[in-house]
């Protein structure tokens, strides 16, 4: 009998607590929402939150908009802050999740249109997962269309795809790979792409922190030199045929490129080199103390059997050393692109 009475009392108390909690939540919501908007506007002047809800595991903010006229417009359908008893006692956030984040960014010559969902592990300073779709990304140097990235911590089956990359006049399409999050690093391995008649395979990793240090390593086979010359519209300066095999590496961070290295060899069939740029030939003649006529003749329909091209960086300048060998003798060229990397100092 007593058990039934206690059971009824306990049941009534639970109902009352639930009812009071729901009542407090709905009564407090009109009061709390303006406070939430006010706090958000302290950080972002043009911002708003349309609603929120509270559960035992997280607080969810809905319809978030953050914008700066002429620079960016961010819209987040849902943003969740997760907590547990331990995090509450320590007054710390456990995880933060953004669902359906729309990005429209146009600032400092960078334009981005994208949609993303991601979850951050605040104590570990890592990303648990990211789902990213970039319809377009452009700067003064390059344009990228159709980026898809799905990656999770310690799971290597994520998807990576780029529809098209335009760098200067060079066009690259259908870049594919497998992605994975390893701590604070995003790793894409392998990276596969068909490029100027050949194939490229490599690996890319980038740290997802304030520095964003990155490394790119590529191995190539059968790249057509003629197509590279045509795509870059170098035809007025020189023509060259043949195929290249080799490796290329690039490293840097948000402040700029740290290093470039490349080692390429021509295939057994060799090719032809014709230099048309008179100014370049005049510089070669002056540096070698030979007459211009001799230099012009030596680079007129020069047939080579094998060759080597080396890329590097010295004091922010991009250098290319070319060594060719043919029946008419050896030819050596060095090209320097000054101020290729103007790294910003912190």
Protein backbone atom coordinates (compact mmCIF):
# COMPACT_ATOMS: atom_id res chain seq x y z
CA UNK A 1 0.00 0.00 0.00
CA UNK A 2 2.76 2.40 1.05
CA UNK A 3 4.71 1.54 -2.12
CA UNK A 4 1.72 2.50 -4.26
CA UNK A 5 1.32 5.80 -2.42
CA UNK A 6 5.06 6.62 -2.77
CA UNK A 7 4.94 5.62 -6.44
CA UNK A 8 1.99 7.95 -7.05
CA UNK A 9 3.71 10.81 -5.19
CA UNK A 10 6.96 10.27 -7.14
CA UNK A 11 5.05 10.16 -10.43
CA UNK A 12 3.19 13.40 -9.58
CA UNK A 13 6.48 15.11 -8.61
CA UNK A 14 8.13 14.08 -11.90
CA UNK A 15 5.15 15.44 -13.86
CA UNK A 16 5.30 18.70 -11.90
CA UNK A 17 9.05 19.09 -12.47
CA UNK A 18 8.66 18.44 -16.20
CA UNK A 19 5.72 20.83 -16.42
CA UNK A 20 7.57 23.55 -14.49
CA UNK A 21 10.70 23.08 -16.63
CA UNK A 22 8.69 23.43 -19.83
CA UNK A 23 6.89 26.48 -18.44
CA UNK A 24 10.16 28.14 -17.35
CA UNK A 25 11.73 27.41 -20.73
CA UNK A 26 8.88 28.97 -22.72
CA UNK A 27 8.51 31.91 -20.32
CA UNK A 28 12.27 32.57 -20.30
CA UNK A 29 12.68 32.25 -24.08
CA UNK A 30 11.27 35.74 -24.94
CA UNK A 31 13.51 37.23 -22.22
CA UNK A 32 16.69 35.32 -23.08
CA UNK A 33 16.56 35.73 -26.87
CA UNK A 34 17.15 39.52 -26.83
CA UNK A 35 20.03 38.99 -24.38
CA UNK A 36 21.58 36.38 -26.69
CA UNK A 37 21.29 38.76 -29.66
CA UNK A 38 22.81 41.61 -27.64
CA UNK A 39 25.83 39.50 -26.64
CA UNK A 40 26.34 38.31 -30.23
CA UNK A 41 26.18 41.87 -31.53
CA UNK A 42 29.01 42.84 -29.20
CA UNK A 43 31.28 40.61 -31.29
CA UNK A 44 29.53 41.07 -34.65
CA UNK A 45 27.66 44.34 -35.12
CA UNK A 46 25.43 43.07 -37.93
CA UNK A 47 24.21 39.76 -36.52
CA UNK A 48 21.07 38.07 -35.23
CA UNK A 49 19.67 34.82 -33.79
CA UNK A 50 16.05 33.90 -34.51
CA UNK A 51 15.60 31.18 -31.86
CA UNK A 52 17.10 28.63 -29.49
CA UNK A 53 16.25 25.44 -27.63
CA UNK A 54 17.71 23.74 -24.58
CA UNK A 55 18.18 19.99 -24.05
CA UNK A 56 20.00 17.95 -21.42
CA UNK A 57 23.01 17.57 -23.77
CA UNK A 58 23.22 20.83 -25.69
CA UNK A 59 21.88 24.30 -26.30
CA UNK A 60 20.92 24.95 -29.90
CA UNK A 61 20.84 28.39 -31.57
CA UNK A 62 18.76 28.68 -34.74
CA UNK A 63 18.71 31.02 -37.72
CA UNK A 64 22.03 32.76 -37.06
CA UNK A 65 23.12 35.51 -39.45
CA UNK A 66 26.46 37.30 -39.27
CA UNK A 67 27.41 39.82 -41.92
CA UNK A 68 29.60 42.74 -42.80
CA UNK A 69 28.31 44.79 -45.72
CA UNK A 70 30.45 44.30 -48.83
CA UNK A 71 32.69 41.67 -47.14
CA UNK A 72 30.88 38.56 -45.94
CA UNK A 73 27.49 37.06 -45.16
CA UNK A 74 27.28 33.94 -42.98
CA UNK A 75 24.05 32.06 -42.33
CA UNK A 76 23.92 29.11 -39.92
CA UNK A 77 20.74 27.06 -39.75
CA UNK A 78 21.68 25.47 -36.40
CA UNK A 79 24.62 25.87 -34.02
CA UNK A 80 24.90 23.57 -31.02
CA UNK A 81 27.03 23.88 -27.90
CA UNK A 82 27.41 20.50 -26.18
CA UNK A 83 28.04 20.04 -22.48
CA UNK A 84 28.06 17.43 -19.74
CA UNK A 85 28.30 17.47 -15.95
CA UNK A 86 32.08 17.60 -16.01
CA UNK A 87 32.24 20.49 -18.48
CA UNK A 88 29.59 22.40 -16.50
CA UNK A 89 31.56 22.01 -13.25
CA UNK A 90 34.73 23.18 -15.01
CA UNK A 91 32.80 25.99 -16.75
CA UNK A 92 34.12 24.80 -20.12
CA UNK A 93 32.51 23.95 -23.46
CA UNK A 94 32.76 20.33 -24.62
CA UNK A 95 31.93 20.45 -28.35
CA UNK A 96 30.52 22.97 -30.82
CA UNK A 97 28.65 21.97 -33.98
CA UNK A 98 27.49 24.08 -36.94
CA UNK A 99 24.82 22.56 -39.18
CA UNK A 100 24.14 23.97 -42.66
CA UNK A 101 26.55 26.93 -42.67
CA UNK A 102 26.26 29.08 -45.82
CA UNK A 103 29.29 31.25 -46.61
CA UNK A 104 29.37 34.21 -48.99
CA UNK A 105 32.78 35.90 -48.62
CA UNK A 106 34.26 38.72 -50.69
CA UNK A 107 37.21 40.49 -49.07
CA UNK A 108 40.88 41.22 -49.80
CA UNK A 109 40.58 39.86 -53.35
CA UNK A 110 39.24 36.52 -52.08
CA UNK A 111 35.77 35.34 -53.12
CA UNK A 112 34.15 32.22 -51.64
CA UNK A 113 30.68 30.70 -51.97
CA UNK A 114 30.31 27.55 -49.88
CA UNK A 115 28.18 25.40 -47.61
CA UNK A 116 29.52 23.42 -44.65
CA UNK A 117 28.71 21.41 -41.54
CA UNK A 118 31.35 20.65 -38.91
CA UNK A 119 31.91 19.76 -35.27
CA UNK A 120 34.74 21.09 -33.10
CA UNK A 121 36.20 19.36 -30.06
CA UNK A 122 37.12 22.42 -27.96
CA UNK A 123 39.30 20.72 -25.26
CA UNK A 124 41.24 18.71 -27.88
CA UNK A 125 41.41 21.67 -30.33
CA UNK A 126 40.46 19.38 -33.21
CA UNK A 127 37.66 18.94 -35.76
CA UNK A 128 35.56 15.79 -35.29
CA UNK A 129 34.11 15.94 -38.80
CA UNK A 130 33.68 18.34 -41.70
CA UNK A 131 31.36 18.28 -44.70
CA UNK A 132 32.26 21.02 -47.16
CA UNK A 133 30.93 22.00 -50.58
CA UNK A 134 32.52 25.01 -52.26
CA UNK A 135 30.74 26.14 -55.43
CA UNK A 136 33.44 28.73 -56.20
CA UNK A 137 36.68 30.08 -54.74
CA UNK A 138 38.74 32.72 -56.52
CA UNK A 139 41.69 35.07 -55.98
CA UNK A 140 43.80 37.18 -58.33
CA UNK A 141 46.01 34.10 -58.91
CA UNK A 142 43.57 31.20 -59.31
CA UNK A 143 39.94 30.08 -59.55
CA UNK A 144 38.54 26.81 -58.21
CA UNK A 145 35.10 25.35 -58.90
CA UNK A 146 33.20 22.48 -57.29
CA UNK A 147 35.15 21.44 -54.17
CA UNK A 148 33.71 18.53 -52.19
CA UNK A 149 35.29 17.42 -48.91
CA UNK A 150 34.00 14.91 -46.35
CA UNK A 151 36.40 13.93 -43.56
CA UNK A 152 36.24 12.45 -40.05
CA UNK A 153 38.74 11.81 -37.30
CA UNK A 154 40.81 8.65 -37.84
CA UNK A 155 38.61 7.43 -40.71
CA UNK A 156 40.35 7.35 -44.09
CA UNK A 157 37.31 6.77 -46.29
CA UNK A 158 36.40 10.44 -46.71
CA UNK A 159 35.70 11.99 -50.11
CA UNK A 160 37.71 14.72 -51.82
CA UNK A 161 36.97 16.13 -55.26
CA UNK A 162 37.69 19.29 -57.28
CA UNK A 163 35.83 19.88 -60.52
CA UNK A 164 38.18 22.50 -62.01
CA UNK A 165 41.22 24.61 -61.16
CA UNK A 166 42.35 27.57 -63.27
CA UNK A 167 45.80 28.90 -62.35
CA UNK A 168 46.76 31.78 -64.61
CA UNK A 169 46.10 30.13 -68.01
CA UNK A 170 46.63 26.58 -66.79
CA UNK A 171 43.50 24.43 -66.42
CA UNK A 172 43.23 21.30 -64.27
CA UNK A 173 40.10 19.18 -63.93
CA UNK A 174 38.75 16.22 -61.95
CA UNK A 175 41.08 16.09 -58.94
CA UNK A 176 40.08 13.18 -56.70
CA UNK A 177 41.34 11.76 -53.42
CA UNK A 178 40.65 10.16 -50.05
CA UNK A 179 40.50 12.42 -46.99
CA UNK A 180 41.02 11.89 -43.26
CA UNK A 181 41.36 14.03 -40.14
CA UNK A 182 44.36 13.12 -37.96
CA UNK A 183 44.28 15.27 -34.85
CA UNK A 184 44.55 18.87 -36.05
CA UNK A 185 45.74 17.86 -39.54
CA UNK A 186 43.67 17.23 -42.68
CA UNK A 187 45.34 14.59 -44.83
CA UNK A 188 44.39 13.80 -48.43
CA UNK A 189 46.08 10.66 -49.72
CA UNK A 190 46.19 9.78 -52.49
CA UNK A 191 45.58 12.84 -54.65
CA UNK A 192 44.97 11.74 -58.26
CA UNK A 193 44.67 13.93 -61.36
CA UNK A 194 45.10 13.68 -65.12
CA UNK A 195 47.23 16.64 -66.21
CA UNK A 196 48.49 17.84 -69.64
CA UNK A 197 48.42 14.37 -71.13
CA UNK A 198 50.02 12.61 -68.18
CA UNK A 199 49.13 11.41 -64.70
CA UNK A 200 49.88 12.85 -61.27
CA UNK A 201 49.68 11.11 -57.90
CA UNK A 202 50.56 12.55 -54.53
CA UNK A 203 49.64 13.56 -50.99
CA UNK A 204 48.51 16.78 -49.34
CA UNK A 205 48.23 17.72 -45.68
CA UNK A 206 47.36 20.95 -43.90
CA UNK A 207 47.19 21.87 -40.21
CA UNK A 208 43.77 23.24 -39.23
CA UNK A 209 45.04 25.91 -36.86
CA UNK A 210 45.98 29.60 -37.01
CA UNK A 211 49.16 28.95 -39.07
CA UNK A 212 47.65 26.45 -41.56
CA UNK A 213 50.99 24.88 -42.47
CA UNK A 214 50.67 22.78 -45.61
CA UNK A 215 52.74 20.29 -47.61
CA UNK A 216 52.09 19.00 -51.12
CA UNK A 217 54.08 16.12 -52.64
CA UNK A 218 53.44 14.95 -56.21
CA UNK A 219 54.88 12.35 -58.59
CA UNK A 220 54.20 12.75 -62.30
CA UNK A 221 54.49 10.59 -65.40
CA UNK A 222 54.22 11.42 -69.10
CA UNK A 223 53.47 15.16 -68.88
CA UNK A 224 53.38 16.75 -72.35
CA UNK A 225 55.68 19.78 -72.50
CA UNK A 226 54.01 21.07 -75.68
CA UNK A 227 50.60 21.18 -73.98
CA UNK A 228 52.06 23.03 -71.00
CA UNK A 229 53.61 25.64 -73.34
CA UNK A 230 50.34 26.04 -75.23
CA UNK A 231 48.13 26.22 -72.11
CA UNK A 232 50.38 28.85 -70.54
CA UNK A 233 50.52 30.70 -73.90
CA UNK A 234 54.32 30.78 -73.95
CA UNK A 235 54.34 30.15 -77.73
CA UNK A 236 55.59 33.66 -78.54
CA UNK A 237 58.64 33.13 -76.32
CA UNK A 238 59.54 29.50 -77.02
CA UNK A 239 58.32 26.11 -78.24
CA UNK A 240 59.28 22.76 -76.75
CA UNK A 241 58.23 19.17 -77.26
CA UNK A 242 58.81 16.00 -75.22
CA UNK A 243 57.47 14.39 -72.06
CA UNK A 244 58.44 14.77 -68.42
CA UNK A 245 58.56 12.39 -65.45
CA UNK A 246 59.48 13.57 -61.99
CA UNK A 247 58.51 14.81 -58.56
CA UNK A 248 57.40 18.12 -57.11
CA UNK A 249 56.95 19.41 -53.56
CA UNK A 250 55.48 22.61 -52.15
CA UNK A 251 55.30 23.79 -48.52
CA UNK A 252 54.05 26.93 -46.85
CA UNK A 253 51.45 28.50 -44.59
CA UNK A 254 49.01 31.42 -44.51
CA UNK A 255 51.86 33.93 -44.74
CA UNK A 256 53.19 32.51 -47.99
CA UNK A 257 55.13 29.75 -49.72
CA UNK A 258 58.13 28.45 -47.76
CA UNK A 259 59.73 26.17 -50.32
CA UNK A 260 59.34 24.72 -53.81
CA UNK A 261 61.32 21.77 -55.13
CA UNK A 262 61.02 19.96 -58.41
CA UNK A 263 63.11 17.39 -60.27
CA UNK A 264 62.02 16.30 -63.75
CA UNK A 265 63.61 14.20 -66.48
CA UNK A 266 62.61 13.93 -70.13
CA UNK A 267 61.70 10.53 -71.55
CA UNK A 268 63.90 8.50 -73.90
CA UNK A 269 62.37 10.02 -77.07
CA UNK A 270 63.78 13.48 -76.36
CA UNK A 271 62.29 16.47 -78.15
CA UNK A 272 62.85 19.86 -79.77
CA UNK A 273 63.50 23.27 -78.17
CA UNK A 274 63.07 26.56 -80.06
CA UNK A 275 63.60 29.86 -78.21
CA UNK A 276 61.99 32.88 -79.93
CA UNK A 277 62.31 35.57 -77.25
CA UNK A 278 65.04 37.92 -78.52
CA UNK A 279 65.43 39.68 -75.17
CA UNK A 280 66.04 36.38 -73.42
CA UNK A 281 68.59 35.34 -76.06
CA UNK A 282 70.37 38.70 -75.71
CA UNK A 283 70.69 38.11 -71.95
CA UNK A 284 72.08 34.61 -72.55
CA UNK A 285 74.60 36.02 -75.04
CA UNK A 286 75.68 38.73 -72.61
CA UNK A 287 76.08 36.31 -69.69
CA UNK A 288 78.03 33.75 -71.78
CA UNK A 289 80.17 36.37 -73.61
CA UNK A 290 79.11 34.95 -76.98
CA UNK A 291 77.70 36.67 -80.01
CA UNK A 292 73.92 36.89 -80.36
CA UNK A 293 74.04 35.17 -83.75
CA UNK A 294 75.71 32.09 -82.24
CA UNK A 295 73.18 31.92 -79.39
CA UNK A 296 70.21 32.33 -81.75
CA UNK A 297 71.52 29.56 -84.00
CA UNK A 298 72.22 27.23 -81.05
CA UNK A 299 68.58 27.44 -79.90
CA UNK A 300 67.04 27.21 -83.36
CA UNK A 301 65.39 23.79 -83.75
CA UNK A 302 67.63 22.29 -81.10
CA UNK A 303 67.02 18.53 -80.90
CA UNK A 304 67.76 17.00 -77.53
CA UNK A 305 67.99 13.34 -76.54
CA UNK A 306 67.63 13.77 -72.80
CA UNK A 307 67.21 16.55 -70.35
CA UNK A 308 66.71 17.56 -66.73
CA UNK A 309 64.70 20.40 -65.21
CA UNK A 310 65.15 21.51 -61.62
CA UNK A 311 62.84 23.92 -59.74
CA UNK A 312 63.71 25.71 -56.51
CA UNK A 313 63.30 28.83 -54.42
CA UNK A 314 66.01 31.25 -53.36
CA UNK A 315 65.21 34.36 -51.28
CA UNK A 316 61.63 34.45 -52.53
CA UNK A 317 62.64 33.99 -56.19
CA UNK A 318 61.53 30.97 -58.21
CA UNK A 319 64.39 29.42 -60.19
CA UNK A 320 64.34 26.90 -63.02
CA UNK A 321 67.52 25.21 -64.22
CA UNK A 322 67.34 23.29 -67.50
CA UNK A 323 70.09 20.97 -68.76
CA UNK A 324 69.70 19.39 -72.22
CA UNK A 325 71.94 17.07 -74.19
CA UNK A 326 71.73 16.33 -77.95
CA UNK A 327 73.81 15.63 -81.07
CA UNK A 328 74.50 19.34 -81.46
CA UNK A 329 75.94 19.49 -77.95
CA UNK A 330 74.71 20.47 -74.51
CA UNK A 331 72.51 23.42 -73.66
CA UNK A 332 72.01 25.01 -70.22
CA UNK A 333 69.40 27.59 -69.23
CA UNK A 334 68.53 29.28 -65.95
CA UNK A 335 65.32 31.26 -65.56
CA UNK A 336 64.60 33.35 -62.44
CA UNK A 337 61.13 34.67 -61.57
CA UNK A 338 61.84 37.48 -59.10
CA UNK A 339 59.57 38.23 -56.12
CA UNK A 340 57.58 35.07 -56.75
CA UNK A 341 56.80 34.78 -53.05
CA UNK A 342 56.35 37.97 -51.06
CA UNK A 343 55.75 36.37 -47.68
CA UNK A 344 53.91 38.47 -45.11
CA UNK A 345 55.74 38.80 -41.83
CA UNK A 346 53.77 38.33 -38.62
